[in-house]
Amino acid sequence: MRLRALIPAVTLLLPLSQVLVAAPALALPFDAKVGIEARGRVDFDNFGPLPPISNLVEAEIAEPFDKSVVSVQDAQEELFSYFASADIGNLALKVSGSLSNTGGSLIGFGEIALLEAIAEARDVLVLTSTRTDPYEVTLELVIDGTLTTPAGSSAFATTLIRMNEPGKLSVTDSGFYTNGVVDDILSVSRTVSGTEVTLELLTQMAYGVYRLAAGTTASGDLSNTAHVRLILPEDVIISSSSSGTFGVPIVPIPEPSSMMLSAAGLLLLGAVARKKIRR
């Protein structure tokens, strides 16, 4: 199922409402315009009194970012595995997950995720040019992967992109994938004008298992590509991004303790080298 529409910002995530209902508490606020987040959760108790088996979230929110990629992963042998990564520096989203039901009865009600992995990236860009005529800007998300959903089960992947010029309606494209090979391109375009244009971008990808038949395994792997592409005329440039990392990978600055350990290691290597020279 593919959807493309001009919609107000308040309805932006409706195609993914089932996924988001089951999400853990977000480090990235729902209305935030800038941030990257990766999250994963495994919960067989459907938010009941028992704690989830796994519940991980990593996000970068403060502007400009100190790092351009966040990721989470967890696994338990013969039961589950998941991975999620949002890499705004390399313009890539990755998710994968696998869940096995070794019992003798169906698990899950089909409404709340037993397992989910979600990656999301948001940024605000400023485009500059000397053009006086309107021009077109296109945002794309290229996706490929494989999903395996057993009979009598419910598992699927969803994708979403949104581009918005402040004060105007958003243009959105989304995808919904249930089984087999995924080979798709989400695409939205907007005609803009002016020597300076501000655009708000959102990209998201998720995989979830909601109901799983006895003695089966559901899996989804969209961790190889899912690249974000912003297509601009040759004489239009990105003059700034609120994250400071859109298309610009950065390496996190080491923590002071790590720097001290590195320095100690270098001193030790130097001492060994001097000892060898004296010999």
Protein backbone atom coordinates (compact mmCIF):
# COMPACT_ATOMS: atom_id res chain seq x y z
CA MET A 1 0.00 0.00 0.00
CA ARG A 2 1.38 3.38 -1.00
CA LEU A 3 0.02 6.74 0.08
CA ARG A 4 0.93 10.22 -1.10
CA ALA A 5 -0.92 13.32 0.01
CA LEU A 6 -0.73 16.95 1.06
CA ILE A 7 -1.69 16.88 4.72
CA PRO A 8 -1.53 19.19 7.74
CA ALA A 9 1.35 18.58 10.13
CA VAL A 10 -1.00 17.35 12.88
CA THR A 11 -1.90 14.27 10.83
CA LEU A 12 1.62 13.56 9.70
CA LEU A 13 2.05 10.18 11.42
CA LEU A 14 -1.39 8.67 10.90
CA PRO A 15 -0.13 5.98 8.48
CA LEU A 16 2.17 4.79 11.29
CA SER A 17 -0.28 5.14 14.18
CA GLN A 18 -0.25 1.43 14.98
CA VAL A 19 3.53 1.42 15.25
CA LEU A 20 3.70 4.59 17.32
CA VAL A 21 1.06 3.45 19.80
CA ALA A 22 3.38 0.62 20.75
CA ALA A 23 6.52 2.73 20.97
CA PRO A 24 8.49 3.20 24.21
CA ALA A 25 8.66 6.62 25.80
CA LEU A 26 10.28 8.85 23.20
CA ALA A 27 13.50 10.71 23.83
CA LEU A 28 12.63 12.71 20.70
CA PRO A 29 9.52 14.86 21.38
CA PHE A 30 6.64 14.30 18.98
CA ASP A 31 6.66 17.92 17.79
CA ALA A 32 10.45 18.30 17.57
CA LYS A 33 11.66 19.56 14.20
CA VAL A 34 15.28 18.43 14.66
CA GLY A 35 16.61 15.15 16.05
CA ILE A 36 17.70 11.60 15.30
CA GLU A 37 16.47 8.59 17.22
CA ALA A 38 16.77 4.80 17.19
CA ARG A 39 14.59 2.67 19.44
CA GLY A 40 13.70 -0.97 19.96
CA ARG A 41 11.38 -2.87 22.23
CA VAL A 42 10.33 -6.45 22.95
CA ASP A 43 7.27 -6.83 25.17
CA PHE A 44 5.12 -9.96 25.40
CA ASP A 45 2.91 -8.50 28.14
CA ASN A 46 1.41 -5.76 25.94
CA PHE A 47 2.31 -2.99 28.40
CA GLY A 48 0.94 -5.00 31.31
CA PRO A 49 2.53 -5.23 34.77
CA LEU A 50 5.53 -7.27 33.60
CA PRO A 51 8.50 -5.22 32.36
CA PRO A 52 9.49 -5.47 28.69
CA ILE A 53 12.17 -8.00 27.81
CA SER A 54 14.08 -5.23 26.05
CA ASN A 55 13.51 -1.48 25.74
CA LEU A 56 16.30 0.68 24.30
CA VAL A 57 16.32 4.26 23.01
CA GLU A 58 19.20 6.42 21.79
CA ALA A 59 18.67 9.94 20.52
CA GLU A 60 20.49 13.15 19.64
CA ILE A 61 18.46 16.31 20.12
CA ALA A 62 20.64 19.25 21.20
CA GLU A 63 21.58 21.52 18.30
CA PRO A 64 24.07 21.29 16.73
CA PHE A 65 24.53 17.54 17.13
CA ASP A 66 27.64 16.12 18.81
CA LYS A 67 27.25 12.97 16.71
CA SER A 68 25.55 12.21 13.42
CA VAL A 69 24.40 8.63 14.07
CA VAL A 70 22.49 6.83 16.84
CA SER A 71 21.76 3.11 17.05
CA VAL A 72 20.35 0.40 19.31
CA GLN A 73 20.52 -3.37 19.13
CA ASP A 74 19.69 -6.31 21.36
CA ALA A 75 19.22 -10.07 21.05
CA GLN A 76 18.34 -13.17 23.01
CA GLU A 77 19.30 -16.49 21.49
CA GLU A 78 16.43 -18.39 19.87
CA LEU A 79 13.93 -15.69 20.86
CA PHE A 80 14.54 -12.26 19.31
CA SER A 81 16.95 -9.80 17.79
CA TYR A 82 16.60 -6.22 16.59
CA PHE A 83 18.69 -3.37 15.25
CA ALA A 84 17.86 0.26 14.45
CA SER A 85 20.10 3.07 13.25
CA ALA A 86 19.47 6.68 12.21
CA ASP A 87 22.50 8.14 10.45
CA ILE A 88 21.87 11.70 9.31
CA GLY A 89 25.52 12.18 8.37
CA ASN A 90 25.41 9.43 5.76
CA LEU A 91 21.69 10.00 5.13
CA ALA A 92 20.67 6.43 5.96
CA LEU A 93 18.06 4.67 8.08
CA LYS A 94 18.36 0.98 9.01
CA VAL A 95 16.04 -1.39 10.86
CA SER A 96 15.85 -5.15 11.26
CA GLY A 97 14.18 -7.58 13.62
CA SER A 98 13.38 -11.22 14.23
CA LEU A 99 11.02 -12.90 16.69
CA SER A 100 10.43 -16.62 17.31
CA ASN A 101 7.45 -18.29 18.97
CA THR A 102 8.59 -21.68 20.26
CA GLY A 103 5.38 -22.24 22.21
CA GLY A 104 2.30 -24.14 21.23
CA SER A 105 -0.13 -21.23 20.90
CA LEU A 106 -0.50 -17.89 19.14
CA ILE A 107 1.02 -14.84 20.84
CA GLY A 108 -0.01 -11.22 20.39
CA PHE A 109 -3.33 -9.53 19.72
CA GLY A 110 -2.34 -7.75 16.51
CA GLU A 111 -2.74 -4.23 17.95
CA ILE A 112 0.37 -3.69 20.08
CA ALA A 113 3.84 -4.72 18.93
CA LEU A 114 5.53 -7.72 20.45
CA LEU A 115 8.77 -6.54 18.83
CA GLU A 116 9.58 -3.28 17.10
CA ALA A 117 12.59 -1.41 15.75
CA ILE A 118 12.26 2.22 14.63
CA ALA A 119 14.71 4.75 13.16
CA GLU A 120 13.89 8.40 12.57
CA ALA A 121 15.70 11.54 11.43
CA ARG A 122 14.43 15.13 11.36
CA ASP A 123 16.21 18.30 10.30
CA VAL A 124 15.63 21.87 9.18
CA LEU A 125 17.60 23.02 6.14
CA VAL A 126 18.19 26.45 4.64
CA LEU A 127 18.64 26.51 0.85
CA THR A 128 20.22 29.50 -0.88
CA SER A 129 20.53 30.50 -4.52
CA THR A 130 20.57 33.50 -6.82
CA ARG A 131 17.52 32.25 -8.71
CA THR A 132 14.54 34.54 -9.17
CA ASP A 133 12.29 31.89 -10.72
CA PRO A 134 10.58 29.05 -8.79
CA TYR A 135 12.37 25.70 -8.65
CA GLU A 136 11.58 22.15 -7.54
CA VAL A 137 13.04 20.33 -4.54
CA THR A 138 12.62 16.55 -4.22
CA LEU A 139 13.10 14.36 -1.14
CA GLU A 140 13.44 10.60 -1.65
CA LEU A 141 13.88 7.54 0.54
CA VAL A 142 15.20 4.47 -1.27
CA ILE A 143 14.26 1.21 0.47
CA ASP A 144 15.06 -2.42 -0.18
CA GLY A 145 14.95 -5.47 2.03
CA THR A 146 13.16 -8.71 2.80
CA LEU A 147 10.25 -9.57 5.08
CA THR A 148 9.13 -13.03 6.18
CA THR A 149 5.70 -13.19 7.81
CA PRO A 150 4.31 -16.68 8.60
CA ALA A 151 0.68 -17.57 7.89
CA GLY A 152 -1.64 -16.56 10.71
CA SER A 153 0.79 -13.85 11.86
CA SER A 154 0.94 -10.07 11.59
CA ALA A 155 4.28 -8.36 10.94
CA PHE A 156 5.11 -5.45 8.68
CA ALA A 157 7.45 -2.58 7.89
CA THR A 158 6.45 1.04 7.41
CA THR A 159 8.26 4.02 5.93
CA LEU A 160 7.49 7.72 5.93
CA ILE A 161 8.96 10.92 4.53
CA ARG A 162 7.70 14.47 4.93
CA MET A 163 8.85 17.80 3.56
CA ASN A 164 7.40 21.05 4.83
CA GLU A 165 7.95 24.71 4.13
CA PRO A 166 6.96 26.59 7.32
CA GLY A 167 3.46 28.04 7.10
CA LYS A 168 2.42 25.74 4.26
CA LEU A 169 0.94 22.26 3.98
CA SER A 170 3.29 19.28 4.27
CA VAL A 171 3.83 16.90 1.40
CA THR A 172 4.13 13.29 2.55
CA ASP A 173 4.73 9.83 1.12
CA SER A 174 4.55 6.54 3.03
CA GLY A 175 4.92 2.82 2.46
CA PHE A 176 3.50 -0.33 4.04
CA TYR A 177 5.14 -3.73 3.44
CA THR A 178 4.03 -7.13 4.75
CA ASN A 179 5.92 -10.00 3.10
CA GLY A 180 8.57 -10.80 0.51
CA VAL A 181 11.05 -8.50 -1.20
CA VAL A 182 10.85 -4.75 -0.56
CA ASP A 183 12.05 -2.55 -3.43
CA ASP A 184 10.56 0.91 -3.25
CA ILE A 185 11.28 4.62 -3.50
CA LEU A 186 9.29 7.17 -1.53
CA SER A 187 9.33 10.59 -3.18
CA VAL A 188 7.89 14.03 -2.47
CA SER A 189 8.45 17.27 -4.35
CA ARG A 190 7.73 20.91 -3.67
CA THR A 191 8.08 24.00 -5.80
CA VAL A 192 9.74 26.83 -3.87
CA SER A 193 10.97 30.31 -4.67
CA GLY A 194 13.23 32.97 -3.20
CA THR A 195 16.94 33.36 -2.64
CA GLU A 196 16.61 31.70 0.79
CA VAL A 197 14.20 28.83 1.52
CA THR A 198 13.67 26.93 4.79
CA LEU A 199 12.57 23.29 4.63
CA GLU A 200 11.65 20.92 7.46
CA LEU A 201 12.39 17.26 6.68
CA LEU A 202 11.31 14.07 8.40
CA THR A 203 12.21 10.48 7.49
CA GLN A 204 11.19 7.36 9.39
CA MET A 205 11.37 3.59 9.02
CA ALA A 206 9.97 0.89 11.32
CA TYR A 207 9.54 -2.87 11.58
CA GLY A 208 7.17 -4.60 13.99
CA VAL A 209 5.74 -8.01 14.85
CA TYR A 210 2.21 -7.83 16.24
CA ARG A 211 0.91 -11.41 16.19
CA LEU A 212 2.94 -14.62 15.79
CA ALA A 213 1.68 -18.12 15.11
CA ALA A 214 2.92 -21.05 17.21
CA GLY A 215 6.23 -22.60 16.16
CA THR A 216 7.10 -19.85 13.66
CA THR A 217 9.56 -16.98 13.20
CA ALA A 218 8.83 -13.57 11.70
CA SER A 219 11.69 -11.44 10.44
CA GLY A 220 12.37 -8.25 8.57
CA ASP A 221 15.65 -6.86 7.30
CA LEU A 222 15.81 -3.33 5.93
CA SER A 223 19.30 -2.65 7.23
CA ASN A 224 21.26 -2.49 3.97
CA THR A 225 20.04 0.67 2.26
CA ALA A 226 17.14 3.06 2.97
CA HIS A 227 19.12 6.07 1.83
CA VAL A 228 17.80 9.62 1.94
CA ARG A 229 18.27 11.77 -1.16
CA LEU A 230 17.61 15.49 -1.49
CA ILE A 231 17.56 16.49 -5.15
CA LEU A 232 18.25 20.17 -5.89
CA PRO A 233 19.01 22.23 -9.03
CA GLU A 234 22.73 22.68 -9.60
CA ASP A 235 22.69 26.36 -8.62
CA VAL A 236 20.93 25.74 -5.28
CA ILE A 237 22.97 24.80 -2.20
CA ILE A 238 22.31 23.75 1.38
CA SER A 239 23.73 26.70 3.29
CA SER A 240 22.93 25.33 6.74
CA SER A 241 21.18 22.59 8.69
CA SER A 242 19.92 22.87 12.26
CA SER A 243 21.58 19.55 13.16
CA GLY A 244 24.84 20.70 11.61
CA THR A 245 25.29 17.16 10.30
CA PHE A 246 22.91 16.74 7.33
CA GLY A 247 25.08 14.83 4.87
CA VAL A 248 28.14 15.58 7.02
CA PRO A 249 29.24 12.56 9.11
CA ILE A 250 30.98 13.47 12.36
CA VAL A 251 32.83 11.35 14.89
CA PRO A 252 31.81 11.86 18.54
CA ILE A 253 34.40 13.62 20.71
CA PRO A 254 35.87 11.08 23.18
CA GLU A 255 34.83 11.36 26.80
CA PRO A 256 37.59 12.74 29.12
CA SER A 257 38.09 9.29 30.68
CA SER A 258 38.54 7.74 27.25
CA MET A 259 41.00 10.47 26.29
CA MET A 260 43.02 9.79 29.46
CA LEU A 261 43.11 6.07 28.68
CA SER A 262 44.23 6.80 25.12
CA ALA A 263 46.95 9.14 26.36
CA ALA A 264 48.13 6.54 28.89
CA GLY A 265 48.27 3.97 26.12
CA LEU A 266 50.35 6.24 23.93
CA LEU A 267 52.77 6.94 26.80
CA LEU A 268 53.15 3.21 27.40
CA LEU A 269 53.85 2.56 23.73
CA GLY A 270 56.42 5.35 23.77
CA ALA A 271 58.15 3.87 26.81
CA VAL A 272 58.30 0.43 25.16
CA ALA A 273 59.73 1.94 21.99
CA ARG A 274 62.44 3.84 23.90
CA LYS A 275 63.35 0.66 25.79
CA LYS A 276 63.78 -1.23 22.53
CA ILE A 277 65.95 1.55 21.11
CA ARG A 278 68.28 1.48 24.17
CA ARG A 279 68.70 -2.25 23.69
